[in-house]
Amino acid sequence: IPKIPDKKHEVKWIWQEPFGHAFPSQSSPYLKRDLAEKPVLLFCNHCDNPPCVRVCPTQATWKREDGIVMMDSHRCIGCRYCIAACPYGSRSFNWVDPRAFLEEVNPDFPTRTKGVVEKCNLCGERLAAGKIPACVEACPHGAIHFGDVSDPDSPVRVLLAQRFAIRRKPGLGTEPQVYYLV
């Protein structure tokens, strides 16, 4: 992830927001103050009904059969309709060339350019190679999990059955597929 010092230009594949802002439907006047302000890691929700896909005029954003919402930066014309359509703020526009802020360029991972939109694609290149997303692999505490929620026997479904989970703004009808364990 490029380390862009100007927050206005950072790439939001994974970012933090206060709990109360990330989960407005979960807040109440009785919510513990420290929880309301506590930062939560956020991701693209890979919605089952993604509004970003519907508005993309070039089909640079599409949903794979397995449910992952992908982005082809070579087809992106930078219109930013997808940014306007996403109710979660999960997309970033590259106002500057993000490659200038990378410590080293990984030749196995395509780099984006100025003038296109970015989003988490759950490391589609890694998935194609049989690996897990980089955020899951890099998480030092094992707090990020990845799996097939449509398979009732998958480890992620077992985890969801054991723990209380919430989703971001589920009332919007987008059917977010990222679950947050509380």
N, C-alpha and C. Protein backbone atom coordinates (compact mmCIF):
# COMPACT_ATOMS: atom_id res chain seq x y z
N ILE A 1 0.86 -1.17 0.00
CA ILE A 1 0.00 0.00 0.00
C ILE A 1 0.89 1.22 0.00
N PRO A 2 0.71 2.12 -0.93
CA PRO A 2 1.54 3.32 -0.95
C PRO A 2 1.33 4.16 0.30
N LYS A 3 2.40 4.70 0.84
CA LYS A 3 2.32 5.57 2.01
C LYS A 3 2.32 7.02 1.53
N ILE A 4 1.14 7.52 1.22
CA ILE A 4 0.99 8.87 0.71
C ILE A 4 0.74 9.79 1.90
N PRO A 5 1.63 10.74 2.16
CA PRO A 5 1.51 11.56 3.37
C PRO A 5 0.28 12.45 3.43
N ASP A 6 -0.21 12.91 2.30
CA ASP A 6 -1.39 13.77 2.27
C ASP A 6 -2.64 12.89 2.36
N LYS A 7 -3.38 12.96 3.47
CA LYS A 7 -4.55 12.11 3.71
C LYS A 7 -5.60 12.23 2.60
N LYS A 8 -5.66 13.39 1.94
CA LYS A 8 -6.63 13.58 0.86
C LYS A 8 -6.34 12.66 -0.32
N HIS A 9 -5.10 12.21 -0.44
CA HIS A 9 -4.70 11.42 -1.59
C HIS A 9 -4.40 9.96 -1.27
N GLU A 10 -4.60 9.55 0.00
CA GLU A 10 -4.24 8.18 0.35
C GLU A 10 -5.16 7.18 -0.35
N VAL A 11 -4.61 6.00 -0.61
CA VAL A 11 -5.36 4.92 -1.23
C VAL A 11 -6.03 4.13 -0.11
N LYS A 12 -7.37 3.98 -0.21
CA LYS A 12 -8.12 3.31 0.84
C LYS A 12 -8.43 1.87 0.46
N TRP A 13 -7.45 0.99 0.59
CA TRP A 13 -7.74 -0.43 0.47
C TRP A 13 -8.17 -0.93 1.85
N ILE A 14 -7.46 -0.51 2.85
CA ILE A 14 -7.82 -0.73 4.26
C ILE A 14 -7.61 0.60 4.94
N TRP A 15 -8.59 1.05 5.72
CA TRP A 15 -8.45 2.32 6.40
C TRP A 15 -9.19 2.26 7.73
N GLN A 16 -8.99 3.28 8.55
CA GLN A 16 -9.62 3.33 9.87
C GLN A 16 -10.61 4.49 9.96
N GLU A 17 -11.70 4.23 10.66
CA GLU A 17 -12.66 5.27 11.01
C GLU A 17 -13.19 4.95 12.40
N PRO A 18 -13.68 5.94 13.13
CA PRO A 18 -14.27 5.65 14.43
C PRO A 18 -15.49 4.73 14.30
N PHE A 19 -15.67 3.85 15.26
CA PHE A 19 -16.78 2.89 15.26
C PHE A 19 -18.12 3.58 14.98
N GLY A 20 -18.39 4.67 15.66
CA GLY A 20 -19.66 5.37 15.51
C GLY A 20 -19.91 5.87 14.10
N HIS A 21 -18.86 6.21 13.38
CA HIS A 21 -19.00 6.67 11.99
C HIS A 21 -19.13 5.47 11.04
N ALA A 22 -18.39 4.41 11.32
CA ALA A 22 -18.40 3.23 10.46
C ALA A 22 -19.71 2.45 10.58
N PHE A 23 -20.28 2.44 11.78
CA PHE A 23 -21.50 1.68 12.04
C PHE A 23 -22.56 2.58 12.66
N PRO A 24 -23.09 3.53 11.89
CA PRO A 24 -24.05 4.47 12.47
C PRO A 24 -25.32 3.80 12.99
N SER A 25 -25.72 2.67 12.40
CA SER A 25 -26.93 1.99 12.86
C SER A 25 -26.70 1.24 14.16
N GLN A 26 -25.45 1.09 14.56
CA GLN A 26 -25.13 0.40 15.81
C GLN A 26 -24.95 1.36 16.97
N SER A 27 -25.00 2.65 16.70
CA SER A 27 -24.75 3.61 17.77
C SER A 27 -26.06 3.96 18.47
N SER A 28 -25.92 4.38 19.69
CA SER A 28 -27.05 4.82 20.49
C SER A 28 -26.52 5.80 21.52
N PRO A 29 -27.39 6.52 22.19
CA PRO A 29 -26.90 7.45 23.22
C PRO A 29 -26.22 6.73 24.38
N TYR A 30 -26.42 5.41 24.46
CA TYR A 30 -25.88 4.64 25.58
C TYR A 30 -24.63 3.86 25.21
N LEU A 31 -24.17 4.02 23.97
CA LEU A 31 -22.95 3.35 23.54
C LEU A 31 -21.77 3.91 24.32
N LYS A 32 -20.92 3.02 24.80
CA LYS A 32 -19.75 3.47 25.54
C LYS A 32 -18.97 4.47 24.70
N ARG A 33 -18.62 5.59 25.30
CA ARG A 33 -17.93 6.66 24.57
C ARG A 33 -16.63 6.17 23.95
N ASP A 34 -15.87 5.34 24.69
CA ASP A 34 -14.60 4.87 24.14
C ASP A 34 -14.82 3.95 22.94
N LEU A 35 -15.93 3.21 22.89
CA LEU A 35 -16.21 2.38 21.73
C LEU A 35 -16.63 3.24 20.54
N ALA A 36 -17.43 4.24 20.76
CA ALA A 36 -17.91 5.11 19.68
C ALA A 36 -16.75 5.78 18.95
N GLU A 37 -15.69 6.10 19.67
CA GLU A 37 -14.54 6.77 19.06
C GLU A 37 -13.40 5.82 18.69
N LYS A 38 -13.53 4.56 19.08
CA LYS A 38 -12.47 3.57 18.82
C LYS A 38 -12.33 3.34 17.32
N PRO A 39 -11.10 3.33 16.79
CA PRO A 39 -10.95 3.11 15.34
C PRO A 39 -11.22 1.66 14.96
N VAL A 40 -11.84 1.51 13.81
CA VAL A 40 -12.17 0.20 13.25
C VAL A 40 -11.53 0.12 11.87
N LEU A 41 -10.93 -1.03 11.54
CA LEU A 41 -10.39 -1.23 10.20
C LEU A 41 -11.55 -1.47 9.24
N LEU A 42 -11.54 -0.80 8.11
CA LEU A 42 -12.60 -0.94 7.13
C LEU A 42 -12.05 -1.38 5.78
N PHE A 43 -12.91 -2.03 5.01
CA PHE A 43 -12.56 -2.60 3.72
C PHE A 43 -13.69 -2.33 2.74
N CYS A 44 -13.47 -2.62 1.48
CA CYS A 44 -14.57 -2.69 0.52
C CYS A 44 -15.46 -3.84 1.00
N ASN A 45 -16.75 -3.67 0.91
CA ASN A 45 -17.69 -4.67 1.43
C ASN A 45 -18.01 -5.79 0.45
N HIS A 46 -17.53 -5.71 -0.77
CA HIS A 46 -17.79 -6.74 -1.78
C HIS A 46 -19.26 -7.13 -1.73
N CYS A 47 -20.08 -6.12 -1.95
CA CYS A 47 -21.54 -6.26 -1.82
C CYS A 47 -22.09 -7.31 -2.78
N ASP A 48 -23.15 -7.96 -2.34
CA ASP A 48 -23.84 -8.90 -3.19
C ASP A 48 -24.67 -8.15 -4.23
N ASN A 49 -25.05 -6.93 -3.91
CA ASN A 49 -25.80 -6.06 -4.81
C ASN A 49 -25.04 -4.72 -4.92
N PRO A 50 -23.87 -4.73 -5.59
CA PRO A 50 -22.99 -3.56 -5.58
C PRO A 50 -23.44 -2.41 -6.48
N PRO A 51 -23.74 -1.25 -5.90
CA PRO A 51 -24.14 -0.11 -6.72
C PRO A 51 -23.02 0.38 -7.62
N CYS A 52 -21.77 0.17 -7.23
CA CYS A 52 -20.63 0.63 -8.04
C CYS A 52 -20.58 -0.08 -9.38
N VAL A 53 -21.01 -1.33 -9.43
CA VAL A 53 -21.01 -2.09 -10.68
C VAL A 53 -22.07 -1.53 -11.64
N ARG A 54 -23.23 -1.22 -11.10
CA ARG A 54 -24.33 -0.72 -11.93
C ARG A 54 -24.00 0.60 -12.61
N VAL A 55 -23.23 1.47 -11.95
CA VAL A 55 -23.01 2.81 -12.51
C VAL A 55 -21.77 2.93 -13.40
N CYS A 56 -20.91 1.93 -13.42
CA CYS A 56 -19.66 2.03 -14.19
C CYS A 56 -19.95 1.97 -15.69
N PRO A 57 -19.66 3.06 -16.43
CA PRO A 57 -19.98 3.10 -17.86
C PRO A 57 -19.06 2.24 -18.72
N THR A 58 -17.90 1.84 -18.22
CA THR A 58 -16.96 1.07 -19.02
C THR A 58 -16.83 -0.37 -18.56
N GLN A 59 -17.59 -0.75 -17.56
CA GLN A 59 -17.51 -2.08 -16.95
C GLN A 59 -16.11 -2.36 -16.39
N ALA A 60 -15.46 -1.30 -15.93
CA ALA A 60 -14.16 -1.45 -15.27
C ALA A 60 -14.37 -2.08 -13.89
N THR A 61 -15.55 -1.95 -13.34
CA THR A 61 -15.92 -2.59 -12.09
C THR A 61 -16.94 -3.66 -12.40
N TRP A 62 -16.69 -4.86 -11.91
CA TRP A 62 -17.61 -5.97 -12.13
C TRP A 62 -17.54 -6.92 -10.94
N LYS A 63 -18.55 -7.79 -10.86
CA LYS A 63 -18.61 -8.76 -9.77
C LYS A 63 -18.32 -10.14 -10.34
N ARG A 64 -17.31 -10.80 -9.76
CA ARG A 64 -16.97 -12.15 -10.19
C ARG A 64 -18.05 -13.14 -9.73
N GLU A 65 -18.02 -14.34 -10.29
CA GLU A 65 -18.98 -15.37 -9.91
C GLU A 65 -18.88 -15.72 -8.44
N ASP A 66 -17.67 -15.61 -7.87
CA ASP A 66 -17.50 -15.94 -6.45
C ASP A 66 -17.89 -14.79 -5.53
N GLY A 67 -18.36 -13.67 -6.09
CA GLY A 67 -18.85 -12.56 -5.29
C GLY A 67 -17.88 -11.42 -5.09
N ILE A 68 -16.64 -11.58 -5.46
CA ILE A 68 -15.65 -10.52 -5.27
C ILE A 68 -15.88 -9.42 -6.30
N VAL A 69 -15.94 -8.18 -5.83
CA VAL A 69 -16.12 -7.03 -6.71
C VAL A 69 -14.73 -6.58 -7.15
N MET A 70 -14.49 -6.69 -8.44
CA MET A 70 -13.18 -6.41 -9.01
C MET A 70 -13.15 -5.05 -9.71
N MET A 71 -11.94 -4.64 -10.03
CA MET A 71 -11.72 -3.35 -10.69
C MET A 71 -10.59 -3.53 -11.70
N ASP A 72 -10.80 -3.12 -12.92
CA ASP A 72 -9.77 -3.15 -13.95
C ASP A 72 -9.33 -1.70 -14.19
N SER A 73 -8.17 -1.34 -13.66
CA SER A 73 -7.72 0.05 -13.75
C SER A 73 -7.43 0.46 -15.19
N HIS A 74 -7.21 -0.50 -16.08
CA HIS A 74 -6.93 -0.16 -17.48
C HIS A 74 -8.21 0.24 -18.22
N ARG A 75 -9.37 -0.20 -17.72
CA ARG A 75 -10.64 0.18 -18.34
C ARG A 75 -11.23 1.43 -17.69
N CYS A 76 -10.72 1.78 -16.50
CA CYS A 76 -11.26 2.92 -15.75
C CYS A 76 -10.93 4.22 -16.49
N ILE A 77 -11.95 5.05 -16.67
CA ILE A 77 -11.75 6.35 -17.33
C ILE A 77 -11.73 7.48 -16.31
N GLY A 78 -11.80 7.14 -15.03
CA GLY A 78 -11.71 8.15 -13.98
C GLY A 78 -12.95 9.01 -13.81
N CYS A 79 -14.10 8.52 -14.21
CA CYS A 79 -15.33 9.32 -14.11
C CYS A 79 -15.80 9.46 -12.66
N ARG A 80 -15.43 8.55 -11.82
CA ARG A 80 -15.72 8.54 -10.37
C ARG A 80 -17.20 8.31 -10.05
N TYR A 81 -17.96 7.77 -11.00
CA TYR A 81 -19.36 7.42 -10.70
C TYR A 81 -19.39 6.37 -9.59
N CYS A 82 -18.44 5.43 -9.62
CA CYS A 82 -18.41 4.38 -8.61
C CYS A 82 -18.16 4.95 -7.21
N ILE A 83 -17.36 6.00 -7.13
CA ILE A 83 -17.10 6.64 -5.84
C ILE A 83 -18.40 7.25 -5.32
N ALA A 84 -19.14 7.91 -6.20
CA ALA A 84 -20.41 8.52 -5.80
C ALA A 84 -21.44 7.46 -5.41
N ALA A 85 -21.42 6.31 -6.07
CA ALA A 85 -22.41 5.26 -5.82
C ALA A 85 -22.12 4.45 -4.56
N CYS A 86 -20.88 4.38 -4.15
CA CYS A 86 -20.52 3.54 -2.99
C CYS A 86 -20.91 4.25 -1.70
N PRO A 87 -21.84 3.67 -0.93
CA PRO A 87 -22.27 4.31 0.31
C PRO A 87 -21.31 4.09 1.48
N TYR A 88 -20.21 3.40 1.23
CA TYR A 88 -19.27 3.06 2.29
C TYR A 88 -17.95 3.83 2.22
N GLY A 89 -17.75 4.60 1.17
CA GLY A 89 -16.49 5.33 1.02
C GLY A 89 -15.31 4.41 0.76
N SER A 90 -15.57 3.30 0.08
CA SER A 90 -14.55 2.27 -0.11
C SER A 90 -13.68 2.45 -1.34
N ARG A 91 -13.79 3.60 -1.98
CA ARG A 91 -13.02 3.82 -3.20
C ARG A 91 -12.21 5.10 -3.09
N SER A 92 -11.11 5.12 -3.79
CA SER A 92 -10.22 6.28 -3.79
C SER A 92 -9.89 6.64 -5.23
N PHE A 93 -9.77 7.91 -5.47
CA PHE A 93 -9.34 8.38 -6.79
C PHE A 93 -7.86 8.74 -6.69
N ASN A 94 -7.08 8.31 -7.65
CA ASN A 94 -5.66 8.63 -7.65
C ASN A 94 -5.43 10.00 -8.27
N TRP A 95 -5.37 11.00 -7.39
CA TRP A 95 -5.07 12.36 -7.83
C TRP A 95 -3.58 12.51 -8.14
N VAL A 96 -2.77 11.64 -7.55
CA VAL A 96 -1.33 11.62 -7.79
C VAL A 96 -0.94 10.19 -8.17
N ASP A 97 0.23 10.02 -8.74
CA ASP A 97 0.70 8.69 -9.11
C ASP A 97 1.10 7.94 -7.84
N PRO A 98 0.38 6.88 -7.45
CA PRO A 98 0.71 6.19 -6.21
C PRO A 98 2.03 5.43 -6.26
N ARG A 99 2.52 5.14 -7.46
CA ARG A 99 3.78 4.40 -7.58
C ARG A 99 4.96 5.18 -7.01
N ALA A 100 4.86 6.50 -7.03
CA ALA A 100 5.95 7.32 -6.47
C ALA A 100 6.07 7.15 -4.97
N PHE A 101 5.06 6.58 -4.32
CA PHE A 101 5.06 6.44 -2.86
C PHE A 101 5.25 5.00 -2.41
N LEU A 102 5.60 4.12 -3.33
CA LEU A 102 5.89 2.73 -2.98
C LEU A 102 7.37 2.58 -2.68
N GLU A 103 7.68 1.84 -1.62
CA GLU A 103 9.08 1.59 -1.29
C GLU A 103 9.71 0.71 -2.35
N GLU A 104 8.98 -0.30 -2.78
CA GLU A 104 9.43 -1.13 -3.90
C GLU A 104 8.21 -1.61 -4.66
N VAL A 105 8.35 -1.78 -5.95
CA VAL A 105 7.25 -2.22 -6.79
C VAL A 105 7.32 -3.74 -6.92
N ASN A 106 6.22 -4.40 -6.59
CA ASN A 106 6.14 -5.85 -6.71
C ASN A 106 5.75 -6.17 -8.15
N PRO A 107 6.62 -6.85 -8.90
CA PRO A 107 6.32 -7.12 -10.31
C PRO A 107 5.12 -8.06 -10.50
N ASP A 108 4.72 -8.79 -9.44
CA ASP A 108 3.58 -9.70 -9.53
C ASP A 108 2.25 -8.99 -9.31
N PHE A 109 2.30 -7.73 -8.90
CA PHE A 109 1.07 -7.01 -8.59
C PHE A 109 0.99 -5.78 -9.48
N PRO A 110 -0.09 -5.62 -10.22
CA PRO A 110 -0.18 -4.46 -11.11
C PRO A 110 -0.27 -3.15 -10.33
N THR A 111 0.47 -2.16 -10.77
CA THR A 111 0.41 -0.85 -10.13
C THR A 111 -0.55 0.04 -10.91
N ARG A 112 -1.20 0.91 -10.18
CA ARG A 112 -2.15 1.81 -10.79
C ARG A 112 -1.48 3.13 -11.14
N THR A 113 -2.23 3.96 -11.82
CA THR A 113 -1.68 5.24 -12.24
C THR A 113 -2.56 6.37 -11.75
N LYS A 114 -2.09 7.57 -11.97
CA LYS A 114 -2.87 8.77 -11.69
C LYS A 114 -4.10 8.76 -12.60
N GLY A 115 -5.23 9.22 -12.05
CA GLY A 115 -6.43 9.38 -12.86
C GLY A 115 -7.38 8.19 -12.87
N VAL A 116 -7.12 7.17 -12.04
CA VAL A 116 -8.04 6.03 -11.97
C VAL A 116 -8.48 5.82 -10.53
N VAL A 117 -9.50 5.01 -10.38
CA VAL A 117 -10.05 4.70 -9.06
C VAL A 117 -9.41 3.43 -8.52
N GLU A 118 -9.27 3.39 -7.21
CA GLU A 118 -8.71 2.23 -6.50
C GLU A 118 -9.76 1.66 -5.57
N LYS A 119 -9.67 0.37 -5.29
CA LYS A 119 -10.47 -0.29 -4.25
C LYS A 119 -9.82 -1.63 -3.92
N CYS A 120 -10.19 -2.18 -2.81
CA CYS A 120 -9.72 -3.51 -2.43
C CYS A 120 -10.35 -4.54 -3.38
N ASN A 121 -9.53 -5.43 -3.90
CA ASN A 121 -10.05 -6.51 -4.73
C ASN A 121 -9.78 -7.86 -4.08
N LEU A 122 -9.56 -7.83 -2.75
CA LEU A 122 -9.23 -9.02 -1.98
C LEU A 122 -8.03 -9.76 -2.58
N CYS A 123 -7.14 -8.98 -3.15
CA CYS A 123 -5.91 -9.52 -3.75
C CYS A 123 -6.22 -10.62 -4.76
N GLY A 124 -7.03 -10.26 -5.75
CA GLY A 124 -7.43 -11.21 -6.78
C GLY A 124 -6.26 -11.96 -7.40
N GLU A 125 -5.11 -11.30 -7.56
CA GLU A 125 -3.93 -11.95 -8.14
C GLU A 125 -3.43 -13.05 -7.21
N ARG A 126 -3.47 -12.79 -5.90
CA ARG A 126 -3.04 -13.80 -4.92
C ARG A 126 -4.03 -14.96 -4.88
N LEU A 127 -5.32 -14.65 -4.94
CA LEU A 127 -6.33 -15.71 -4.94
C LEU A 127 -6.15 -16.64 -6.14
N ALA A 128 -5.86 -16.05 -7.31
CA ALA A 128 -5.65 -16.85 -8.52
C ALA A 128 -4.46 -17.79 -8.37
N ALA A 129 -3.50 -17.41 -7.52
CA ALA A 129 -2.32 -18.25 -7.28
C ALA A 129 -2.52 -19.20 -6.09
N GLY A 130 -3.76 -19.25 -5.55
CA GLY A 130 -4.04 -20.15 -4.44
C GLY A 130 -3.62 -19.62 -3.08
N LYS A 131 -3.36 -18.31 -3.00
CA LYS A 131 -2.96 -17.69 -1.74
C LYS A 131 -4.14 -16.94 -1.14
N ILE A 132 -4.00 -16.54 0.12
CA ILE A 132 -5.02 -15.73 0.77
C ILE A 132 -4.69 -14.25 0.58
N PRO A 133 -5.66 -13.36 0.79
CA PRO A 133 -5.36 -11.94 0.66
C PRO A 133 -4.22 -11.51 1.58
N ALA A 134 -3.45 -10.55 1.13
CA ALA A 134 -2.27 -10.09 1.87
C ALA A 134 -2.62 -9.59 3.26
N CYS A 135 -3.78 -8.93 3.42
CA CYS A 135 -4.15 -8.41 4.75
C CYS A 135 -4.37 -9.54 5.74
N VAL A 136 -4.92 -10.65 5.28
CA VAL A 136 -5.15 -11.80 6.14
C VAL A 136 -3.81 -12.40 6.56
N GLU A 137 -2.92 -12.55 5.58
CA GLU A 137 -1.61 -13.13 5.85
C GLU A 137 -0.77 -12.23 6.76
N ALA A 138 -0.89 -10.92 6.58
CA ALA A 138 -0.05 -9.98 7.33
C ALA A 138 -0.57 -9.64 8.71
N CYS A 139 -1.83 -9.95 9.00
CA CYS A 139 -2.41 -9.57 10.29
C CYS A 139 -1.73 -10.33 11.42
N PRO A 140 -1.03 -9.61 12.31
CA PRO A 140 -0.24 -10.29 13.34
C PRO A 140 -1.08 -11.00 14.41
N HIS A 141 -2.33 -10.65 14.54
CA HIS A 141 -3.14 -11.21 15.61
C HIS A 141 -4.19 -12.20 15.11
N GLY A 142 -4.19 -12.48 13.81
CA GLY A 142 -5.19 -13.39 13.26
C GLY A 142 -6.60 -12.84 13.35
N ALA A 143 -6.72 -11.52 13.33
CA ALA A 143 -8.03 -10.88 13.48
C ALA A 143 -8.79 -10.75 12.17
N ILE A 144 -8.13 -10.97 11.04
CA ILE A 144 -8.80 -10.87 9.75
C ILE A 144 -8.88 -12.28 9.17
N HIS A 145 -10.09 -12.67 8.77
CA HIS A 145 -10.32 -14.01 8.22
C HIS A 145 -10.91 -13.87 6.83
N PHE A 146 -10.72 -14.89 6.02
CA PHE A 146 -11.21 -14.88 4.65
C PHE A 146 -11.75 -16.26 4.32
N GLY A 147 -12.87 -16.31 3.62
CA GLY A 147 -13.40 -17.60 3.22
C GLY A 147 -14.69 -17.46 2.44
N ASP A 148 -15.27 -18.58 2.14
CA ASP A 148 -16.48 -18.66 1.33
C ASP A 148 -17.69 -18.71 2.25
N VAL A 149 -18.42 -17.60 2.36
CA VAL A 149 -19.58 -17.57 3.25
C VAL A 149 -20.75 -18.39 2.70
N SER A 150 -20.71 -18.76 1.43
CA SER A 150 -21.79 -19.59 0.88
C SER A 150 -21.60 -21.07 1.22
N ASP A 151 -20.43 -21.45 1.70
CA ASP A 151 -20.16 -22.84 2.10
C ASP A 151 -20.39 -22.97 3.59
N PRO A 152 -21.45 -23.68 4.01
CA PRO A 152 -21.77 -23.77 5.44
C PRO A 152 -20.69 -24.46 6.27
N ASP A 153 -19.80 -25.21 5.63
CA ASP A 153 -18.74 -25.92 6.35
C ASP A 153 -17.41 -25.18 6.35
N SER A 154 -17.35 -24.00 5.72
CA SER A 154 -16.09 -23.26 5.65
C SER A 154 -15.73 -22.71 7.03
N PRO A 155 -14.45 -22.58 7.33
CA PRO A 155 -14.04 -22.03 8.63
C PRO A 155 -14.62 -20.65 8.93
N VAL A 156 -14.79 -19.83 7.90
CA VAL A 156 -15.32 -18.48 8.12
C VAL A 156 -16.80 -18.55 8.51
N ARG A 157 -17.55 -19.48 7.95
CA ARG A 157 -18.96 -19.65 8.33
C ARG A 157 -19.07 -20.19 9.76
N VAL A 158 -18.18 -21.11 10.12
CA VAL A 158 -18.18 -21.62 11.49
C VAL A 158 -17.91 -20.48 12.46
N LEU A 159 -16.95 -19.63 12.13
CA LEU A 159 -16.62 -18.48 12.97
C LEU A 159 -17.81 -17.52 13.09
N LEU A 160 -18.50 -17.28 11.98
CA LEU A 160 -19.67 -16.40 12.01
C LEU A 160 -20.80 -17.00 12.87
N ALA A 161 -20.90 -18.32 12.90
CA ALA A 161 -21.92 -18.97 13.72
C ALA A 161 -21.58 -18.89 15.21
N GLN A 162 -20.29 -18.78 15.51
CA GLN A 162 -19.84 -18.77 16.91
C GLN A 162 -19.81 -17.37 17.52
N ARG A 163 -19.67 -16.34 16.70
CA ARG A 163 -19.49 -14.99 17.20
C ARG A 163 -20.58 -14.07 16.68
N PHE A 164 -20.82 -12.99 17.42
CA PHE A 164 -21.77 -11.98 16.97
C PHE A 164 -21.07 -11.12 15.91
N ALA A 165 -21.73 -10.92 14.78
CA ALA A 165 -21.13 -10.16 13.68
C ALA A 165 -22.09 -9.07 13.22
N ILE A 166 -21.51 -7.96 12.78
CA ILE A 166 -22.30 -6.87 12.21
C ILE A 166 -21.75 -6.55 10.82
N ARG A 167 -22.60 -5.90 10.03
CA ARG A 167 -22.19 -5.44 8.71
C ARG A 167 -22.43 -3.95 8.64
N ARG A 168 -21.73 -3.29 7.73
CA ARG A 168 -21.89 -1.85 7.58
C ARG A 168 -23.15 -1.53 6.79
N LYS A 169 -23.97 -0.69 7.36
CA LYS A 169 -25.18 -0.16 6.71
C LYS A 169 -25.98 -1.22 5.96
N PRO A 170 -26.36 -2.31 6.64
CA PRO A 170 -27.06 -3.39 5.94
C PRO A 170 -28.43 -2.98 5.42
N GLY A 171 -29.03 -1.94 5.96
CA GLY A 171 -30.35 -1.49 5.54
C GLY A 171 -30.39 -0.85 4.16
N LEU A 172 -29.24 -0.62 3.55
CA LEU A 172 -29.22 0.02 2.23
C LEU A 172 -29.54 -0.94 1.09
N GLY A 173 -29.59 -2.23 1.37
CA GLY A 173 -29.92 -3.20 0.32
C GLY A 173 -28.75 -3.64 -0.53
N THR A 174 -27.53 -3.25 -0.17
CA THR A 174 -26.36 -3.65 -0.96
C THR A 174 -25.87 -5.05 -0.59
N GLU A 175 -26.35 -5.58 0.53
CA GLU A 175 -25.93 -6.89 1.03
C GLU A 175 -24.42 -7.00 1.16
N PRO A 176 -23.81 -6.19 2.04
CA PRO A 176 -22.36 -6.26 2.24
C PRO A 176 -21.92 -7.66 2.68
N GLN A 177 -20.82 -8.12 2.11
CA GLN A 177 -20.34 -9.47 2.41
C GLN A 177 -19.10 -9.49 3.30
N VAL A 178 -18.76 -8.35 3.86
CA VAL A 178 -17.70 -8.29 4.87
C VAL A 178 -18.40 -8.17 6.22
N TYR A 179 -18.04 -9.07 7.12
CA TYR A 179 -18.65 -9.14 8.44
C TYR A 179 -17.62 -8.73 9.48
N TYR A 180 -18.05 -7.97 10.46
CA TYR A 180 -17.18 -7.51 11.54
C TYR A 180 -17.58 -8.22 12.82
N LEU A 181 -16.66 -8.98 13.38
CA LEU A 181 -16.93 -9.71 14.62
C LEU A 181 -16.79 -8.76 15.79
N VAL A 182 -17.78 -8.79 16.67
CA VAL A 182 -17.76 -7.88 17.83
C VAL A 182 -17.57 -8.70 19.10
